[in-house]
């Protein structure tokens, strides 16, 4: 029997499902258990997915999975004033704000709500987008498998996949900017270090950001 896993805090995205079991994560720096329990959810075989309204232009009608993308989070995407030092086309992630900025230039930026790393899994630095994938497959990194050897070694891309509708891979790191099939977690700190976005938002950012785009993650 096939089981699909979506994890809060263990993977970079999570999915609503059955009642959660509790597990504890290990701080990668101290190697000590983190105090707060993690919810490990297994998505049931049959899942009712709320469709995004067809009036939203950011979803590509040619995408066969577009009609099953969960609704976006309550954190709205908006154009805001920007007077920082970064040039147009740069992505700036504010971990403290739990917001991602795509710099438009001319004193403006697009601001998106994001989910960020939970305590012990935050990071900062400069990376570049080295690869982009639509409906990406998921292969848990070895560090995650050491913590949770019960995880699947491979999950095909799709609406139940923890990476969501799009993924942008950051340098040679294990981190990504990617979608989420649990949009209610946007604006929270629950991931293992990846930057998660509502599927509708990550599709929008995916159309703007190119391979080579600079990504600045601020703690």
C-alpha atoms as a PDB file:
ATOM      1  CA  UNK A   1       0.000   0.000   0.000  1.00  0.00           C
ATOM      2  CA  UNK A   2       1.431   3.291  -1.038  1.00  0.00           C
ATOM      3  CA  UNK A   3       1.849   5.922   1.648  1.00  0.00           C
ATOM      4  CA  UNK A   4       2.543   9.563   0.952  1.00  0.00           C
ATOM      5  CA  UNK A   5       4.249  11.549   3.699  1.00  0.00           C
ATOM      6  CA  UNK A   6       3.978  15.275   4.292  1.00  0.00           C
ATOM      7  CA  UNK A   7       5.860  16.499   7.318  1.00  0.00           C
ATOM      8  CA  UNK A   8       5.787  19.668   9.364  1.00  0.00           C
ATOM      9  CA  UNK A   9       9.303  20.639  10.443  1.00  0.00           C
ATOM     10  CA  UNK A  10      11.003  17.540   9.033  1.00  0.00           C
ATOM     11  CA  UNK A  11      10.586  18.405   5.412  1.00  0.00           C
ATOM     12  CA  UNK A  12      10.290  21.834   3.922  1.00  0.00           C
ATOM     13  CA  UNK A  13       6.566  21.503   3.353  1.00  0.00           C
ATOM     14  CA  UNK A  14       3.647  19.788   5.017  1.00  0.00           C
ATOM     15  CA  UNK A  15       0.186  18.509   4.189  1.00  0.00           C
ATOM     16  CA  UNK A  16      -3.078  18.267   6.073  1.00  0.00           C
ATOM     17  CA  UNK A  17      -4.040  14.723   6.865  1.00  0.00           C
ATOM     18  CA  UNK A  18      -4.714  12.304   9.641  1.00  0.00           C
ATOM     19  CA  UNK A  19      -4.275  13.140  13.324  1.00  0.00           C
ATOM     20  CA  UNK A  20      -0.573  13.850  13.902  1.00  0.00           C
ATOM     21  CA  UNK A  21       1.868  11.684  15.782  1.00  0.00           C
ATOM     22  CA  UNK A  22       4.576  13.394  17.820  1.00  0.00           C
ATOM     23  CA  UNK A  23       8.295  13.195  17.139  1.00  0.00           C
ATOM     24  CA  UNK A  24      11.292  15.186  18.280  1.00  0.00           C
ATOM     25  CA  UNK A  25      13.929  16.819  16.105  1.00  0.00           C
ATOM     26  CA  UNK A  26      17.644  17.099  16.795  1.00  0.00           C
ATOM     27  CA  UNK A  27      19.310  20.499  16.718  1.00  0.00           C
ATOM     28  CA  UNK A  28      21.930  20.179  13.937  1.00  0.00           C
ATOM     29  CA  UNK A  29      24.350  22.410  15.845  1.00  0.00           C
ATOM     30  CA  UNK A  30      24.161  21.055  19.394  1.00  0.00           C
ATOM     31  CA  UNK A  31      22.965  17.531  18.516  1.00  0.00           C
ATOM     32  CA  UNK A  32      20.526  17.829  21.417  1.00  0.00           C
ATOM     33  CA  UNK A  33      16.772  17.191  21.145  1.00  0.00           C
ATOM     34  CA  UNK A  34      14.723  20.293  20.511  1.00  0.00           C
ATOM     35  CA  UNK A  35      12.152  20.965  23.180  1.00  0.00           C
ATOM     36  CA  UNK A  36       9.121  21.313  20.963  1.00  0.00           C
ATOM     37  CA  UNK A  37       7.447  18.298  19.455  1.00  0.00           C
ATOM     38  CA  UNK A  38       6.942  17.960  15.721  1.00  0.00           C
ATOM     39  CA  UNK A  39       3.701  16.920  14.087  1.00  0.00           C
ATOM     40  CA  UNK A  40       4.198  14.109  11.594  1.00  0.00           C
ATOM     41  CA  UNK A  41       1.225  13.804   9.297  1.00  0.00           C
ATOM     42  CA  UNK A  42       0.445  11.075   6.802  1.00  0.00           C
ATOM     43  CA  UNK A  43      -1.819  12.199   3.995  1.00  0.00           C
ATOM     44  CA  UNK A  44      -4.747   9.784   3.491  1.00  0.00           C
ATOM     45  CA  UNK A  45      -5.252   8.063   0.166  1.00  0.00           C
ATOM     46  CA  UNK A  46      -8.329  10.126  -0.664  1.00  0.00           C
ATOM     47  CA  UNK A  47      -7.843  13.863  -0.284  1.00  0.00           C
ATOM     48  CA  UNK A  48     -10.286  16.609  -1.134  1.00  0.00           C
ATOM     49  CA  UNK A  49      -8.350  19.543  -2.556  1.00  0.00           C
ATOM     50  CA  UNK A  50      -9.808  23.029  -2.852  1.00  0.00           C
ATOM     51  CA  UNK A  51      -9.284  24.447  -6.324  1.00  0.00           C
ATOM     52  CA  UNK A  52      -7.885  27.906  -6.916  1.00  0.00           C
ATOM     53  CA  UNK A  53     -10.431  30.210  -8.577  1.00  0.00           C
ATOM     54  CA  UNK A  54      -9.938  30.115 -12.331  1.00  0.00           C
ATOM     55  CA  UNK A  55      -9.972  33.913 -12.465  1.00  0.00           C
ATOM     56  CA  UNK A  56      -6.452  34.034 -11.044  1.00  0.00           C
ATOM     57  CA  UNK A  57      -4.100  34.687 -13.916  1.00  0.00           C
ATOM     58  CA  UNK A  58      -0.960  33.418 -12.158  1.00  0.00           C
ATOM     59  CA  UNK A  59      -1.974  29.805 -12.733  1.00  0.00           C
ATOM     60  CA  UNK A  60      -1.151  28.476 -16.167  1.00  0.00           C
ATOM     61  CA  UNK A  61      -4.226  26.959 -17.775  1.00  0.00           C
ATOM     62  CA  UNK A  62      -1.964  24.523 -19.636  1.00  0.00           C
ATOM     63  CA  UNK A  63      -0.715  23.106 -16.326  1.00  0.00           C
ATOM     64  CA  UNK A  64      -2.627  19.821 -15.858  1.00  0.00           C
ATOM     65  CA  UNK A  65      -2.442  20.180 -12.078  1.00  0.00           C
ATOM     66  CA  UNK A  66      -3.408  23.865 -11.907  1.00  0.00           C
ATOM     67  CA  UNK A  67      -6.996  23.122 -10.921  1.00  0.00           C
ATOM     68  CA  UNK A  68      -5.869  21.185  -7.850  1.00  0.00           C
ATOM     69  CA  UNK A  69      -3.486  23.759  -6.366  1.00  0.00           C
ATOM     70  CA  UNK A  70      -4.637  24.563  -2.806  1.00  0.00           C
ATOM     71  CA  UNK A  71      -5.803  28.097  -2.139  1.00  0.00           C
ATOM     72  CA  UNK A  72      -3.126  30.588  -1.220  1.00  0.00           C
ATOM     73  CA  UNK A  73      -2.385  31.592   2.350  1.00  0.00           C
ATOM     74  CA  UNK A  74      -3.914  34.471   4.243  1.00  0.00           C
ATOM     75  CA  UNK A  75      -0.643  36.418   3.783  1.00  0.00           C
ATOM     76  CA  UNK A  76      -1.336  38.519   0.674  1.00  0.00           C
ATOM     77  CA  UNK A  77       1.149  39.126  -2.114  1.00  0.00           C
ATOM     78  CA  UNK A  78       1.568  42.853  -2.629  1.00  0.00           C
ATOM     79  CA  UNK A  79       3.731  45.524  -4.208  1.00  0.00           C
ATOM     80  CA  UNK A  80       5.524  47.624  -1.589  1.00  0.00           C
ATOM     81  CA  UNK A  81       7.978  50.515  -1.510  1.00  0.00           C
ATOM     82  CA  UNK A  82      11.626  49.436  -1.440  1.00  0.00           C
ATOM     83  CA  UNK A  83      14.666  51.614  -0.770  1.00  0.00           C
ATOM     84  CA  UNK A  84      17.279  48.951  -0.022  1.00  0.00           C
ATOM     85  CA  UNK A  85      20.629  48.404  -1.701  1.00  0.00           C
ATOM     86  CA  UNK A  86      19.741  45.462  -3.928  1.00  0.00           C
ATOM     87  CA  UNK A  87      19.124  45.686  -7.651  1.00  0.00           C
ATOM     88  CA  UNK A  88      16.100  44.647  -9.663  1.00  0.00           C
ATOM     89  CA  UNK A  89      15.742  40.897 -10.044  1.00  0.00           C
ATOM     90  CA  UNK A  90      17.265  40.085  -6.628  1.00  0.00           C
ATOM     91  CA  UNK A  91      15.385  37.944  -4.116  1.00  0.00           C
ATOM     92  CA  UNK A  92      15.710  38.949  -0.460  1.00  0.00           C
ATOM     93  CA  UNK A  93      14.317  36.685   2.268  1.00  0.00           C
ATOM     94  CA  UNK A  94      13.780  38.192   5.713  1.00  0.00           C
ATOM     95  CA  UNK A  95      13.662  35.263   8.113  1.00  0.00           C
ATOM     96  CA  UNK A  96      12.640  37.531  10.996  1.00  0.00           C
ATOM     97  CA  UNK A  97       9.733  39.020   9.031  1.00  0.00           C
ATOM     98  CA  UNK A  98       8.879  35.719   7.328  1.00  0.00           C
ATOM     99  CA  UNK A  99       8.632  37.583   4.068  1.00  0.00           C
ATOM    100  CA  UNK A 100      10.311  37.263   0.668  1.00  0.00           C
ATOM    101  CA  UNK A 101      10.974  40.321  -1.492  1.00  0.00           C
ATOM    102  CA  UNK A 102      11.453  40.201  -5.248  1.00  0.00           C
ATOM    103  CA  UNK A 103      13.058  43.524  -6.140  1.00  0.00           C
ATOM    104  CA  UNK A 104      11.304  45.194  -9.068  1.00  0.00           C
ATOM    105  CA  UNK A 105      13.430  48.335  -9.265  1.00  0.00           C
ATOM    106  CA  UNK A 106      12.234  51.946  -9.369  1.00  0.00           C
ATOM    107  CA  UNK A 107      11.720  51.882  -5.611  1.00  0.00           C
ATOM    108  CA  UNK A 108       9.351  48.901  -5.547  1.00  0.00           C
ATOM    109  CA  UNK A 109       9.389  45.232  -4.619  1.00  0.00           C
ATOM    110  CA  UNK A 110       6.920  42.362  -4.577  1.00  0.00           C
ATOM    111  CA  UNK A 111       6.426  41.047  -1.055  1.00  0.00           C
ATOM    112  CA  UNK A 112       5.309  37.470  -0.428  1.00  0.00           C
ATOM    113  CA  UNK A 113       4.560  35.629   2.789  1.00  0.00           C
ATOM    114  CA  UNK A 114       6.853  32.647   3.380  1.00  0.00           C
ATOM    115  CA  UNK A 115       7.461  29.883   5.883  1.00  0.00           C
ATOM    116  CA  UNK A 116      11.006  29.623   7.226  1.00  0.00           C
ATOM    117  CA  UNK A 117      13.223  27.296   9.239  1.00  0.00           C
ATOM    118  CA  UNK A 118      12.143  26.370  12.738  1.00  0.00           C
ATOM    119  CA  UNK A 119      14.470  26.989  15.731  1.00  0.00           C
ATOM    120  CA  UNK A 120      17.788  25.257  15.094  1.00  0.00           C
ATOM    121  CA  UNK A 121      17.271  25.268  11.307  1.00  0.00           C
ATOM    122  CA  UNK A 122      17.499  28.932  10.392  1.00  0.00           C
ATOM    123  CA  UNK A 123      20.369  30.103   8.223  1.00  0.00           C
ATOM    124  CA  UNK A 124      21.596  33.152   6.365  1.00  0.00           C
ATOM    125  CA  UNK A 125      23.795  33.878   3.398  1.00  0.00           C
ATOM    126  CA  UNK A 126      23.890  34.459  -0.341  1.00  0.00           C
ATOM    127  CA  UNK A 127      23.022  31.818  -2.925  1.00  0.00           C
ATOM    128  CA  UNK A 128      21.995  31.744  -6.562  1.00  0.00           C
ATOM    129  CA  UNK A 129      19.172  29.829  -8.173  1.00  0.00           C
ATOM    130  CA  UNK A 130      20.933  26.985  -9.949  1.00  0.00           C
ATOM    131  CA  UNK A 131      17.909  24.977 -11.127  1.00  0.00           C
ATOM    132  CA  UNK A 132      14.146  25.344 -11.466  1.00  0.00           C
ATOM    133  CA  UNK A 133      11.570  22.532 -11.514  1.00  0.00           C
ATOM    134  CA  UNK A 134       7.828  22.392 -12.100  1.00  0.00           C
ATOM    135  CA  UNK A 135       6.016  19.886  -9.861  1.00  0.00           C
ATOM    136  CA  UNK A 136       9.383  18.578  -8.632  1.00  0.00           C
ATOM    137  CA  UNK A 137      10.065  15.092  -7.349  1.00  0.00           C
ATOM    138  CA  UNK A 138      11.270  14.888  -3.755  1.00  0.00           C
ATOM    139  CA  UNK A 139      14.271  12.929  -2.514  1.00  0.00           C
ATOM    140  CA  UNK A 140      14.903  13.593   1.193  1.00  0.00           C
ATOM    141  CA  UNK A 141      18.558  14.594   1.789  1.00  0.00           C
ATOM    142  CA  UNK A 142      20.787  12.177   3.674  1.00  0.00           C
ATOM    143  CA  UNK A 143      20.812  14.398   6.766  1.00  0.00           C
ATOM    144  CA  UNK A 144      17.039  14.155   6.957  1.00  0.00           C
ATOM    145  CA  UNK A 145      17.048  10.403   6.374  1.00  0.00           C
ATOM    146  CA  UNK A 146      19.463   9.958   9.256  1.00  0.00           C
ATOM    147  CA  UNK A 147      16.970  11.720  11.487  1.00  0.00           C
ATOM    148  CA  UNK A 148      13.985   9.910  10.027  1.00  0.00           C
ATOM    149  CA  UNK A 149      14.944   6.635   8.321  1.00  0.00           C
ATOM    150  CA  UNK A 150      11.242   5.805   7.865  1.00  0.00           C
ATOM    151  CA  UNK A 151      10.801   8.507   5.226  1.00  0.00           C
ATOM    152  CA  UNK A 152      10.306   7.499   1.596  1.00  0.00           C
ATOM    153  CA  UNK A 153      13.495   7.709  -0.465  1.00  0.00           C
ATOM    154  CA  UNK A 154      11.567   9.137  -3.399  1.00  0.00           C
ATOM    155  CA  UNK A 155       8.223  10.837  -3.962  1.00  0.00           C
ATOM    156  CA  UNK A 156       7.011  11.708  -7.429  1.00  0.00           C
ATOM    157  CA  UNK A 157       6.033  15.326  -8.059  1.00  0.00           C
ATOM    158  CA  UNK A 158       2.385  16.201  -7.668  1.00  0.00           C
ATOM    159  CA  UNK A 159      -0.173  17.837  -5.438  1.00  0.00           C
ATOM    160  CA  UNK A 160       0.691  15.566  -2.485  1.00  0.00           C
ATOM    161  CA  UNK A 161       4.421  16.194  -2.801  1.00  0.00           C
ATOM    162  CA  UNK A 162       5.910  18.346   0.003  1.00  0.00           C
ATOM    163  CA  UNK A 163       7.733  20.546  -2.536  1.00  0.00           C
ATOM    164  CA  UNK A 164       4.478  21.760  -4.037  1.00  0.00           C
ATOM    165  CA  UNK A 165       3.973  23.235  -7.489  1.00  0.00           C
ATOM    166  CA  UNK A 166       7.437  24.707  -8.129  1.00  0.00           C
ATOM    167  CA  UNK A 167      10.945  24.558  -6.684  1.00  0.00           C
ATOM    168  CA  UNK A 168      13.972  26.797  -7.151  1.00  0.00           C
ATOM    169  CA  UNK A 169      17.198  25.187  -5.955  1.00  0.00           C
ATOM    170  CA  UNK A 170      19.719  27.324  -4.108  1.00  0.00           C
ATOM    171  CA  UNK A 171      23.367  26.814  -5.066  1.00  0.00           C
ATOM    172  CA  UNK A 172      24.823  23.475  -4.035  1.00  0.00           C
ATOM    173  CA  UNK A 173      22.919  23.544  -0.744  1.00  0.00           C
ATOM    174  CA  UNK A 174      20.036  21.302   0.325  1.00  0.00           C
ATOM    175  CA  UNK A 175      17.770  24.362   0.480  1.00  0.00           C
ATOM    176  CA  UNK A 176      15.068  25.429  -1.951  1.00  0.00           C
ATOM    177  CA  UNK A 177      12.406  28.020  -2.404  1.00  0.00           C
ATOM    178  CA  UNK A 178       9.369  25.884  -3.070  1.00  0.00           C
ATOM    179  CA  UNK A 179       5.618  25.568  -2.880  1.00  0.00           C
ATOM    180  CA  UNK A 180       3.576  24.080  -0.101  1.00  0.00           C
ATOM    181  CA  UNK A 181       0.421  22.013  -0.044  1.00  0.00           C
ATOM    182  CA  UNK A 182      -0.360  23.410   3.411  1.00  0.00           C
ATOM    183  CA  UNK A 183      -0.751  27.163   2.862  1.00  0.00           C
ATOM    184  CA  UNK A 184      -1.834  27.809   6.435  1.00  0.00           C
ATOM    185  CA  UNK A 185       1.802  27.343   7.497  1.00  0.00           C
ATOM    186  CA  UNK A 186       2.911  30.390   5.506  1.00  0.00           C
ATOM    187  CA  UNK A 187       4.130  33.063   7.903  1.00  0.00           C
ATOM    188  CA  UNK A 188       5.357  30.481  10.415  1.00  0.00           C
ATOM    189  CA  UNK A 189       8.700  28.864  11.275  1.00  0.00           C
ATOM    190  CA  UNK A 190       8.213  25.142  10.696  1.00  0.00           C
ATOM    191  CA  UNK A 191      10.580  23.963   7.946  1.00  0.00           C
ATOM    192  CA  UNK A 192      14.001  22.336   8.026  1.00  0.00           C
ATOM    193  CA  UNK A 193      15.516  25.437   6.438  1.00  0.00           C
ATOM    194  CA  UNK A 194      13.794  25.681   3.071  1.00  0.00           C
ATOM    195  CA  UNK A 195      11.767  28.755   2.146  1.00  0.00           C
ATOM    196  CA  UNK A 196       8.205  27.660   1.520  1.00  0.00           C
ATOM    197  CA  UNK A 197       5.521  29.641  -0.274  1.00  0.00           C
ATOM    198  CA  UNK A 198       1.875  29.169  -1.101  1.00  0.00           C
ATOM    199  CA  UNK A 199       1.666  27.306  -4.412  1.00  0.00           C
ATOM    200  CA  UNK A 200       0.030  30.262  -6.130  1.00  0.00           C
ATOM    201  CA  UNK A 201       2.820  32.564  -4.968  1.00  0.00           C
ATOM    202  CA  UNK A 202       5.661  30.229  -5.892  1.00  0.00           C
ATOM    203  CA  UNK A 203       4.206  29.888  -9.382  1.00  0.00           C
ATOM    204  CA  UNK A 204       4.213  33.677  -9.679  1.00  0.00           C
ATOM    205  CA  UNK A 205       7.795  33.998  -8.413  1.00  0.00           C
ATOM    206  CA  UNK A 206       8.906  31.130 -10.672  1.00  0.00           C
ATOM    207  CA  UNK A 207       7.827  33.097 -13.751  1.00  0.00           C
ATOM    208  CA  UNK A 208       9.922  36.096 -12.638  1.00  0.00           C
ATOM    209  CA  UNK A 209      13.103  34.575 -11.208  1.00  0.00           C
ATOM    210  CA  UNK A 210      15.656  33.137 -13.611  1.00  0.00           C
ATOM    211  CA  UNK A 211      18.425  30.598 -13.176  1.00  0.00           C
ATOM    212  CA  UNK A 212      21.295  32.650 -11.786  1.00  0.00           C
ATOM    213  CA  UNK A 213      19.069  34.966  -9.734  1.00  0.00           C
ATOM    214  CA  UNK A 214      20.796  36.077  -6.520  1.00  0.00           C
ATOM    215  CA  UNK A 215      19.019  35.052  -3.322  1.00  0.00           C
ATOM    216  CA  UNK A 216      19.946  36.808  -0.087  1.00  0.00           C
ATOM    217  CA  UNK A 217      18.674  35.139   3.101  1.00  0.00           C
ATOM    218  CA  UNK A 218      18.761  37.423   6.125  1.00  0.00           C
ATOM    219  CA  UNK A 219      18.353  36.052   9.626  1.00  0.00           C
END
